[in-house]
Protein backbone atom coordinates (compact mmCIF):
# COMPACT_ATOMS: atom_id res chain seq x y z
CA MET A 1 39.52 112.19 106.06
CA TYR A 2 40.51 115.48 104.44
CA ILE A 3 38.51 118.45 103.32
CA TYR A 4 39.33 119.82 99.88
CA ILE A 5 38.28 123.36 99.11
CA TYR A 6 39.73 124.23 95.71
CA GLU A 7 43.10 123.26 94.35
CA ASP A 8 44.13 126.91 93.93
CA GLN A 9 42.62 128.20 97.19
CA MET A 10 44.42 128.03 100.53
CA LEU A 11 42.70 129.46 103.56
CA LYS A 12 44.99 131.63 105.67
CA VAL A 13 44.27 131.00 109.33
CA VAL A 14 45.45 132.56 112.61
CA LEU A 15 45.18 130.80 115.99
CA ILE A 16 44.78 132.83 119.20
CA ASP A 17 44.84 131.08 122.57
CA ASP A 18 46.74 131.79 125.79
CA GLU A 19 47.29 128.05 126.39
CA PRO A 20 50.30 126.64 124.46
CA LEU A 21 48.88 123.09 124.56
CA ALA A 22 45.62 124.31 123.03
CA LEU A 23 47.57 126.00 120.21
CA GLN A 24 49.56 122.82 119.60
CA SER A 25 46.40 120.69 119.58
CA MET A 26 44.55 122.98 117.15
CA THR A 27 47.61 123.16 114.90
CA TRP A 28 47.79 119.36 114.78
CA GLU A 29 44.06 119.02 114.04
CA LEU A 30 44.15 121.54 111.18
CA GLU A 31 47.31 120.12 109.65
CA HIS A 32 46.02 116.56 109.73
CA PHE A 33 42.37 117.00 108.79
CA CYS A 34 42.17 120.21 106.76
CA LYS A 35 44.66 120.00 103.95
CA ASN A 36 43.87 123.31 102.26
CA VAL A 37 44.48 125.39 105.36
CA THR A 38 47.65 127.35 106.00
CA ILE A 39 48.31 128.45 109.57
CA VAL A 40 50.07 131.76 108.99
CA ALA A 41 50.50 132.68 112.67
CA THR A 42 49.73 131.57 116.22
CA PHE A 43 49.47 133.88 119.23
CA SER A 44 49.22 133.44 122.97
CA SER A 45 49.03 137.24 123.33
CA VAL A 46 45.99 139.13 122.05
CA VAL A 47 48.05 142.32 121.90
CA LYS A 48 50.47 140.79 119.40
CA ALA A 49 47.56 139.23 117.53
CA THR A 50 45.94 142.67 117.24
CA GLU A 51 49.11 144.13 115.76
CA TYR A 52 49.37 141.30 113.25
CA LEU A 53 45.75 141.43 112.10
CA SER A 54 45.91 145.21 111.73
CA GLU A 55 48.60 144.77 109.07
CA ASN A 56 47.85 141.40 107.45
CA LEU A 57 44.88 139.93 105.61
CA VAL A 58 43.68 136.49 106.68
CA ASP A 59 40.60 134.39 105.97
CA CYS A 60 39.82 133.20 109.48
CA ILE A 61 40.88 133.35 113.12
CA PHE A 62 40.31 130.65 115.74
CA LEU A 63 39.81 132.60 118.95
CA ASP A 64 39.73 131.48 122.58
CA VAL A 65 37.38 133.38 124.91
CA GLU A 66 38.98 133.40 128.38
CA MET A 67 42.39 135.02 128.13
CA PRO A 68 44.31 137.16 130.67
CA GLU A 69 44.95 140.42 128.73
CA MET A 70 41.38 140.71 127.44
CA ASP A 71 38.71 138.18 126.58
CA GLY A 72 37.97 137.11 123.03
CA PHE A 73 34.90 139.31 122.68
CA GLN A 74 36.76 142.43 123.83
CA PHE A 75 39.39 141.51 121.26
CA LEU A 76 36.76 141.41 118.48
CA GLU A 77 35.56 144.90 119.41
CA GLN A 78 38.85 146.18 118.03
CA PHE A 79 37.80 144.96 114.58
CA PRO A 80 34.26 146.27 113.99
CA LEU A 81 34.77 146.14 110.21
CA ARG A 82 36.69 142.89 110.12
CA GLN A 83 37.04 141.02 106.84
CA PHE A 84 38.02 137.69 108.38
CA ALA A 85 35.76 134.95 109.67
CA VAL A 86 35.78 134.21 113.40
CA VAL A 87 35.56 130.76 114.99
CA ILE A 88 35.23 130.78 118.77
CA THR A 89 37.10 127.92 120.50
CA THR A 90 36.40 127.41 124.20
CA ALA A 91 35.91 124.78 126.87
CA PHE A 92 32.68 126.49 127.99
CA ASP A 93 29.29 126.46 126.32
CA GLN A 94 27.80 129.59 127.96
CA TYR A 95 29.32 131.94 125.38
CA ALA A 96 27.35 130.68 122.38
CA ILE A 97 24.75 133.47 122.36
CA LYS A 98 27.40 136.15 122.73
CA ALA A 99 29.38 134.56 119.90
CA ILE A 100 26.32 134.84 117.64
CA ARG A 101 25.87 138.48 118.60
CA LYS A 102 29.51 139.14 117.74
CA GLN A 103 28.84 137.53 114.34
CA ALA A 104 31.15 134.57 114.84
CA LEU A 105 30.93 132.10 111.97
CA ASP A 106 31.19 129.03 114.20
CA TYR A 107 31.62 127.87 117.80
CA LEU A 108 33.77 124.87 118.70
CA LEU A 109 33.94 123.31 122.15
CA LYS A 110 37.26 121.98 123.43
CA PRO A 111 38.46 119.33 123.04
CA ILE A 112 37.86 119.96 119.34
CA ASP A 113 36.06 117.19 117.49
CA SER A 114 37.73 116.53 114.12
CA ASP A 115 34.43 116.13 112.23
CA GLU A 116 33.11 119.39 113.65
CA LEU A 117 36.37 121.07 112.67
CA ILE A 118 36.03 119.80 109.10
CA ASP A 119 32.46 121.14 108.90
CA CYS A 120 33.69 124.44 110.31
CA ILE A 121 36.40 124.79 107.66
CA GLU A 122 33.81 124.12 104.96
CA LYS A 123 31.83 127.10 106.32
CA VAL A 124 34.96 129.25 106.33
CA SER A 125 35.68 128.22 102.75
CA ARG A 126 32.20 129.17 101.57
CA ALA A 127 32.45 132.50 103.40
CA ALA A 128 35.85 133.20 101.84
CA VAL A 129 34.56 132.47 98.33
CA LYS A 130 31.55 134.72 98.92
CA THR A 131 33.72 137.54 100.26
CA SER A 132 36.13 137.24 97.34
CA PHE A 133 33.25 137.43 94.87
CA GLN A 134 31.73 140.44 96.65
CA GLN A 135 35.06 142.28 96.67
CA THR A 136 35.57 141.58 92.97
CA LEU A 137 32.06 142.83 92.22
CA GLU A 138 32.52 145.96 94.37
CA ASN A 139 35.86 146.75 92.72
CA THR A 140 34.29 146.34 89.28
CA VAL A 141 31.45 148.69 90.18
CA LYS A 142 33.85 151.19 91.75
CA ASN A 143 36.09 151.17 88.67
CA PHE A 144 33.04 151.69 86.47
CA VAL A 145 31.86 154.60 88.61
CA ASN A 146 35.33 156.16 88.64
CA THR A 147 35.59 155.81 84.86
CA SER A 148 32.15 157.33 84.47
CA ASN A 149 33.06 160.22 86.73
CA ALA A 150 36.12 160.95 84.59
CA SER A 151 33.88 161.77 81.63
CA VAL A 152 31.19 163.63 83.56
CA LYS A 153 30.29 167.06 82.26
CA LYS A 154 31.20 170.13 84.27
CA VAL A 155 28.74 171.46 86.81
CA SER A 156 27.55 175.05 86.55
CA ILE A 157 27.44 177.26 89.65
CA ALA A 158 26.34 180.87 90.02
CA CYS A 159 28.98 182.93 91.81
CA ASN A 160 29.53 186.72 92.09
CA GLY A 161 27.12 187.60 89.31
CA LYS A 162 28.51 185.04 86.86
CA ILE A 163 28.23 181.35 86.12
CA ILE A 164 31.35 179.25 86.56
CA PHE A 165 31.84 175.72 85.24
CA ILE A 166 33.74 173.22 87.36
CA ASN A 167 34.89 169.69 86.68
CA PRO A 168 33.44 167.68 89.64
CA ASP A 169 36.67 165.75 90.00
CA ASP A 170 38.47 169.03 90.74
CA ILE A 171 36.37 169.45 93.89
CA ILE A 172 38.00 167.91 96.96
CA TYR A 173 35.26 168.83 99.40
CA CYS A 174 32.56 171.36 100.19
CA GLU A 175 32.07 172.99 103.57
CA SER A 176 28.89 174.47 105.00
CA ASP A 177 28.89 177.99 106.41
CA GLY A 178 25.28 178.65 107.34
CA ASN A 179 23.52 179.91 104.23
CA TYR A 180 26.81 179.83 102.31
CA CYS A 181 29.06 177.05 101.08
CA THR A 182 32.76 176.93 100.26
CA LEU A 183 34.20 174.65 97.56
CA PHE A 184 37.82 173.53 98.02
CA LEU A 185 39.47 172.65 94.71
CA GLU A 186 42.52 170.66 93.62
CA ASN A 187 44.39 173.83 92.64
CA LYS A 188 43.96 175.14 96.23
CA GLN A 189 41.33 177.61 95.04
CA LYS A 190 38.36 178.31 97.31
CA ILE A 191 34.98 179.29 95.87
CA LEU A 192 32.34 180.78 98.15
CA ILE A 193 28.79 180.46 96.85
CA THR A 194 25.54 181.84 98.24
CA GLN A 195 23.94 178.43 98.56
CA LYS A 196 23.61 175.98 101.40
CA LEU A 197 25.59 172.73 101.39
CA LYS A 198 22.36 170.91 100.51
CA PHE A 199 22.50 172.64 97.11
CA MET A 200 25.90 171.10 96.30
CA GLU A 201 24.82 167.75 97.71
CA GLU A 202 21.91 167.66 95.27
CA LYS A 203 24.05 169.06 92.44
CA LEU A 204 26.57 166.24 92.86
CA ALA A 205 24.08 163.56 93.92
CA GLU A 206 24.72 161.28 90.92
CA LEU A 207 28.48 161.49 91.28
CA PHE A 208 31.00 159.97 93.68
CA PHE A 209 30.35 162.42 96.53
CA PHE A 210 29.11 161.75 100.05
CA ARG A 211 28.04 163.94 102.95
CA ILE A 212 30.10 162.58 105.84
CA HIS A 213 28.96 165.27 108.28
CA ASN A 214 26.35 168.03 108.47
CA SER A 215 29.11 170.47 107.53
CA TYR A 216 31.07 168.48 104.95
CA LEU A 217 30.46 166.94 101.53
CA VAL A 218 33.51 165.06 100.21
CA ASN A 219 34.67 163.70 96.88
CA LEU A 220 35.16 160.00 97.70
CA ASN A 221 37.90 159.77 95.07
CA LYS A 222 39.92 162.19 97.22
CA VAL A 223 39.67 160.19 100.45
CA GLN A 224 43.10 158.77 101.26
CA GLU A 225 42.65 157.50 104.81
CA TYR A 226 39.92 156.73 107.32
CA HIS A 227 40.89 156.62 110.99
CA LYS A 228 38.45 154.36 112.82
CA SER A 229 39.38 155.24 116.39
CA ASP A 230 39.11 159.02 115.91
CA GLU A 231 36.44 158.85 113.19
CA PHE A 232 37.93 161.21 110.64
CA VAL A 233 39.11 161.09 107.02
CA MET A 234 42.32 162.39 105.50
CA LEU A 235 41.78 163.91 102.06
CA ALA A 236 44.15 164.34 99.11
CA ASN A 237 45.01 167.88 100.24
CA HIS A 238 45.94 166.52 103.72
CA VAL A 239 42.88 168.07 105.34
CA LYS A 240 41.27 166.06 108.15
CA LEU A 241 37.47 166.07 108.36
CA PRO A 242 35.21 164.39 110.95
CA VAL A 243 32.79 161.60 110.03
CA SER A 244 29.47 161.65 111.87
CA ARG A 245 28.75 158.45 113.76
CA HIS A 246 25.31 158.05 112.24
CA ARG A 247 26.76 158.47 108.72
CA LYS A 248 29.81 156.21 109.24
CA ALA A 249 28.25 152.92 108.11
CA ALA A 250 26.81 154.41 104.92
CA PHE A 251 30.10 156.18 104.21
CA LEU A 252 32.15 152.98 104.52
CA GLU A 253 29.73 151.14 102.23
CA LYS A 254 30.27 153.84 99.60
CA LEU A 255 34.06 153.49 99.64
């Protein structure tokens, strides 16, 4: 019996288990019962698996729990924003609750039953289709927002007894300074205004800006990098700004 997903869809799968025989067995099961699955890599070392998954996109990982370098759940903590499905594979049944809490898609007990494996791959397939659709939708919305922002009218700001007009896309970020606020522009110009950061946040509320920290409001189009471990962003002008922990989730949803 084979499971067919879609003729043009191959699920990219990674196997992680410190036991070579377990890797061989899972490889055989997938190759013989799940035709539309491609095993792109197998690892007996979670360190090497971490390096691979940090640089490559996959649809699913099959992950053992008890391993010498770190257990499977510690491994998952390194990927809090993972885009791949997780299937826990173990000879023990006491990890099921923890697997649910770690948002694993499925839980397979060794030795792996072929019918259960087929059902599992069907779940992975549905999750992959849903993720693909969501990403396409998000990209469409983002492109629409970016296009809309390109034609947005200039914002007017009172400064030094005059009113200046600024294209929002020329603003890289705004920084709070007590009752004042500094705007940092693309042309390296700085504009100090006698308004709090809240004023600029409200002024740019309908545009692609987000307050990542009590002191910083950033143009999301200017964000080039986000460093998860140190929780900061790198902007187009190579300035690093911190992201507040309580704003991190909302910030990542905006990107």
